[in-house]
N, C-alpha and C. Protein backbone atom coordinates (compact mmCIF):
# COMPACT_ATOMS: atom_id res chain seq x y z
N MET A 1 110.12 54.25 -50.80
CA MET A 1 110.12 55.68 -51.12
C MET A 1 109.71 55.88 -52.54
N LYS A 2 109.92 54.91 -53.40
CA LYS A 2 109.63 55.08 -54.81
C LYS A 2 108.15 55.35 -55.06
N LEU A 3 107.28 54.60 -54.39
CA LEU A 3 105.84 54.80 -54.58
C LEU A 3 105.42 56.17 -54.08
N GLN A 4 105.94 56.58 -52.95
CA GLN A 4 105.60 57.90 -52.40
C GLN A 4 106.09 59.00 -53.35
N TRP A 5 107.28 58.84 -53.89
CA TRP A 5 107.81 59.84 -54.81
C TRP A 5 106.98 59.93 -56.07
N GLN A 6 106.57 58.78 -56.60
CA GLN A 6 105.74 58.77 -57.82
C GLN A 6 104.41 59.49 -57.54
N ALA A 7 103.79 59.18 -56.40
CA ALA A 7 102.52 59.81 -56.08
C ALA A 7 102.69 61.32 -55.88
N TYR A 8 103.78 61.71 -55.25
CA TYR A 8 104.04 63.12 -55.01
C TYR A 8 104.28 63.85 -56.34
N LYS A 9 105.04 63.21 -57.23
CA LYS A 9 105.29 63.81 -58.55
C LYS A 9 103.99 64.01 -59.31
N GLU A 10 103.10 63.05 -59.25
CA GLU A 10 101.83 63.18 -59.96
C GLU A 10 100.95 64.27 -59.36
N LEU A 11 100.90 64.33 -58.02
CA LEU A 11 100.05 65.33 -57.37
C LEU A 11 100.58 66.75 -57.57
N GLU A 12 101.87 66.94 -57.51
CA GLU A 12 102.46 68.26 -57.62
C GLU A 12 102.89 68.62 -59.03
N LEU A 13 102.59 67.75 -60.00
CA LEU A 13 102.91 67.95 -61.42
C LEU A 13 104.40 68.24 -61.63
N ILE A 14 105.21 67.47 -60.97
CA ILE A 14 106.66 67.57 -61.11
C ILE A 14 107.06 66.78 -62.38
N PRO A 15 107.93 67.37 -63.21
CA PRO A 15 108.30 66.65 -64.43
C PRO A 15 109.04 65.33 -64.13
N ASP A 16 108.95 64.40 -65.07
CA ASP A 16 109.59 63.10 -64.89
C ASP A 16 111.11 63.22 -64.86
N SER A 17 111.65 64.29 -65.39
CA SER A 17 113.11 64.46 -65.43
C SER A 17 113.69 64.80 -64.06
N ALA A 18 112.83 65.15 -63.11
CA ALA A 18 113.31 65.50 -61.75
C ALA A 18 113.78 64.22 -61.06
N PRO A 19 114.98 64.26 -60.48
CA PRO A 19 115.48 63.06 -59.82
C PRO A 19 114.78 62.81 -58.47
N GLU A 20 114.77 61.55 -58.08
CA GLU A 20 114.19 61.19 -56.79
C GLU A 20 115.11 61.69 -55.66
N PRO A 21 114.56 62.33 -54.64
CA PRO A 21 115.42 62.84 -53.57
C PRO A 21 116.07 61.72 -52.80
N LYS A 22 117.29 61.95 -52.38
CA LYS A 22 117.99 60.93 -51.56
C LYS A 22 117.59 61.15 -50.10
N THR A 23 117.36 60.06 -49.45
CA THR A 23 116.94 60.16 -48.03
C THR A 23 118.04 59.62 -47.14
N ASN A 24 118.15 60.23 -46.00
CA ASN A 24 119.05 59.76 -44.97
C ASN A 24 118.21 59.20 -43.84
N ARG A 25 118.15 57.89 -43.74
CA ARG A 25 117.24 57.25 -42.78
C ARG A 25 117.59 57.61 -41.35
N LEU A 26 118.88 57.77 -41.04
CA LEU A 26 119.29 58.07 -39.68
C LEU A 26 118.75 59.43 -39.23
N ASN A 27 118.87 60.44 -40.08
CA ASN A 27 118.32 61.76 -39.73
C ASN A 27 116.82 61.70 -39.55
N GLY A 28 116.15 60.97 -40.39
CA GLY A 28 114.69 60.83 -40.28
C GLY A 28 114.30 60.15 -38.98
N LEU A 29 115.03 59.10 -38.60
CA LEU A 29 114.71 58.40 -37.37
C LEU A 29 114.98 59.24 -36.16
N LEU A 30 116.08 60.01 -36.18
CA LEU A 30 116.39 60.87 -35.03
C LEU A 30 115.34 61.97 -34.90
N LEU A 31 115.00 62.58 -36.02
CA LEU A 31 113.97 63.63 -35.99
C LEU A 31 112.64 63.08 -35.50
N ASN A 32 112.28 61.91 -35.97
CA ASN A 32 111.06 61.26 -35.56
C ASN A 32 111.08 60.97 -34.06
N TYR A 33 112.21 60.49 -33.53
CA TYR A 33 112.35 60.18 -32.10
C TYR A 33 112.20 61.45 -31.26
N PHE A 34 112.87 62.52 -31.66
CA PHE A 34 112.80 63.75 -30.90
C PHE A 34 111.42 64.39 -30.98
N TRP A 35 110.80 64.31 -32.13
CA TRP A 35 109.46 64.85 -32.29
C TRP A 35 108.46 64.10 -31.40
N ARG A 36 108.53 62.80 -31.42
CA ARG A 36 107.63 62.00 -30.59
C ARG A 36 107.87 62.23 -29.10
N SER A 37 109.17 62.37 -28.73
CA SER A 37 109.49 62.67 -27.33
C SER A 37 108.90 63.98 -26.90
N LEU A 38 109.00 65.00 -27.75
CA LEU A 38 108.45 66.32 -27.42
C LEU A 38 106.94 66.24 -27.27
N ILE A 39 106.28 65.58 -28.20
CA ILE A 39 104.82 65.47 -28.14
C ILE A 39 104.39 64.70 -26.88
N ASN A 40 105.10 63.61 -26.56
CA ASN A 40 104.75 62.83 -25.38
C ASN A 40 104.96 63.67 -24.10
N ALA A 41 106.04 64.43 -24.04
CA ALA A 41 106.29 65.27 -22.86
C ALA A 41 105.19 66.34 -22.70
N LEU A 42 104.82 66.96 -23.81
CA LEU A 42 103.76 67.98 -23.72
C LEU A 42 102.42 67.36 -23.34
N ALA A 43 102.13 66.18 -23.85
CA ALA A 43 100.88 65.51 -23.52
C ALA A 43 100.86 65.13 -22.05
N GLN A 44 101.97 64.60 -21.53
CA GLN A 44 102.04 64.25 -20.12
C GLN A 44 101.86 65.47 -19.24
N GLU A 45 102.50 66.57 -19.59
CA GLU A 45 102.37 67.81 -18.83
C GLU A 45 100.94 68.30 -18.81
N HIS A 46 100.29 68.23 -19.95
CA HIS A 46 98.88 68.65 -20.03
C HIS A 46 98.02 67.75 -19.18
N PHE A 47 98.26 66.44 -19.24
CA PHE A 47 97.48 65.48 -18.47
C PHE A 47 97.60 65.75 -16.95
N TYR A 48 98.85 65.92 -16.50
CA TYR A 48 99.07 66.17 -15.06
C TYR A 48 98.47 67.51 -14.63
N GLU A 49 98.57 68.52 -15.50
CA GLU A 49 97.99 69.82 -15.15
C GLU A 49 96.49 69.75 -15.06
N GLN A 50 95.83 69.02 -15.97
CA GLN A 50 94.39 68.86 -15.93
C GLN A 50 93.96 68.10 -14.66
N ARG A 51 94.74 67.06 -14.33
CA ARG A 51 94.40 66.26 -13.14
C ARG A 51 94.59 67.10 -11.86
N ARG A 52 95.65 67.89 -11.83
CA ARG A 52 95.88 68.74 -10.65
C ARG A 52 94.77 69.76 -10.50
N ASP A 53 94.36 70.38 -11.60
CA ASP A 53 93.25 71.33 -11.54
C ASP A 53 91.99 70.68 -11.06
N TYR A 54 91.74 69.45 -11.51
CA TYR A 54 90.54 68.72 -11.07
C TYR A 54 90.58 68.46 -9.59
N PHE A 55 91.72 68.01 -9.08
CA PHE A 55 91.84 67.76 -7.64
C PHE A 55 91.70 69.06 -6.86
N GLU A 56 92.24 70.13 -7.34
CA GLU A 56 92.09 71.40 -6.63
C GLU A 56 90.63 71.84 -6.58
N ARG A 57 89.91 71.62 -7.66
CA ARG A 57 88.47 71.98 -7.65
C ARG A 57 87.71 71.07 -6.69
N CYS A 58 88.06 69.80 -6.68
CA CYS A 58 87.36 68.88 -5.78
C CYS A 58 87.69 69.12 -4.31
N TRP A 59 88.90 69.59 -4.06
CA TRP A 59 89.37 69.79 -2.70
C TRP A 59 88.94 71.15 -2.14
N ALA A 60 88.37 72.00 -2.98
CA ALA A 60 88.02 73.35 -2.56
C ALA A 60 87.05 73.30 -1.37
N ILE A 61 87.31 74.17 -0.43
CA ILE A 61 86.48 74.20 0.78
C ILE A 61 85.26 75.06 0.50
N ASP A 62 84.14 74.65 1.07
CA ASP A 62 82.92 75.40 0.94
C ASP A 62 83.01 76.61 1.89
N TYR A 63 83.18 77.80 1.33
CA TYR A 63 83.40 79.00 2.12
C TYR A 63 82.12 79.56 2.75
N THR A 64 80.98 78.99 2.43
CA THR A 64 79.73 79.49 3.04
C THR A 64 79.63 79.08 4.49
N ASP A 65 80.21 77.96 4.84
CA ASP A 65 80.16 77.49 6.23
C ASP A 65 81.49 76.82 6.56
N PRO A 66 82.56 77.59 6.75
CA PRO A 66 83.89 76.99 6.86
C PRO A 66 84.14 76.27 8.18
N TYR A 67 83.38 76.57 9.24
CA TYR A 67 83.71 75.97 10.55
C TYR A 67 83.01 74.66 10.80
N THR A 68 82.12 74.24 9.90
CA THR A 68 81.43 72.98 10.11
C THR A 68 82.20 71.81 9.50
N THR A 69 83.12 72.12 8.62
CA THR A 69 83.91 71.05 7.98
C THR A 69 84.97 70.57 8.95
N GLY A 70 84.88 69.32 9.33
CA GLY A 70 85.86 68.77 10.25
C GLY A 70 86.94 67.98 9.54
N HIS A 71 87.86 67.50 10.32
CA HIS A 71 88.95 66.72 9.75
C HIS A 71 88.46 65.39 9.18
N ALA A 72 87.40 64.85 9.79
CA ALA A 72 86.86 63.59 9.28
C ALA A 72 86.25 63.80 7.91
N ASP A 73 85.60 64.93 7.69
CA ASP A 73 85.02 65.21 6.36
C ASP A 73 86.12 65.38 5.31
N GLN A 74 87.21 66.02 5.70
CA GLN A 74 88.32 66.20 4.76
C GLN A 74 88.95 64.85 4.46
N LEU A 75 89.06 63.97 5.43
CA LEU A 75 89.61 62.64 5.21
C LEU A 75 88.71 61.86 4.28
N LYS A 76 87.39 61.97 4.47
CA LYS A 76 86.44 61.29 3.54
C LYS A 76 86.61 61.82 2.13
N LYS A 77 86.78 63.12 2.01
CA LYS A 77 86.93 63.72 0.69
C LYS A 77 88.23 63.24 0.03
N LEU A 78 89.32 63.15 0.83
CA LEU A 78 90.58 62.67 0.31
C LEU A 78 90.47 61.21 -0.16
N LEU A 79 89.83 60.39 0.67
CA LEU A 79 89.66 58.97 0.31
C LEU A 79 88.79 58.82 -0.96
N THR A 80 87.79 59.67 -1.07
CA THR A 80 86.94 59.66 -2.28
C THR A 80 87.74 60.03 -3.50
N LEU A 81 88.56 61.04 -3.38
CA LEU A 81 89.39 61.45 -4.51
C LEU A 81 90.40 60.38 -4.90
N MET A 82 90.96 59.71 -3.89
CA MET A 82 91.97 58.67 -4.19
C MET A 82 91.34 57.43 -4.78
N ASN A 83 90.08 57.22 -4.56
CA ASN A 83 89.39 56.03 -5.05
C ASN A 83 89.12 56.09 -6.48
């Protein structure tokens, strides 16, 4: 922490008489853990939402000729998507 504090003091023009802040490692670790958990949860949600939207676009039925699409074609499409 000493090197970071020295660099911060120089960049922010803090006088040398200012004491170095005391750190509580446990609070920092807990905050870091919760922050990373939140970011990971949001990233996973975004990933699954994007994948779901992609599958829905791929699975969309061609409405120009709806009666020619058979179950075999839908099965092929499903197997292609799963591959």
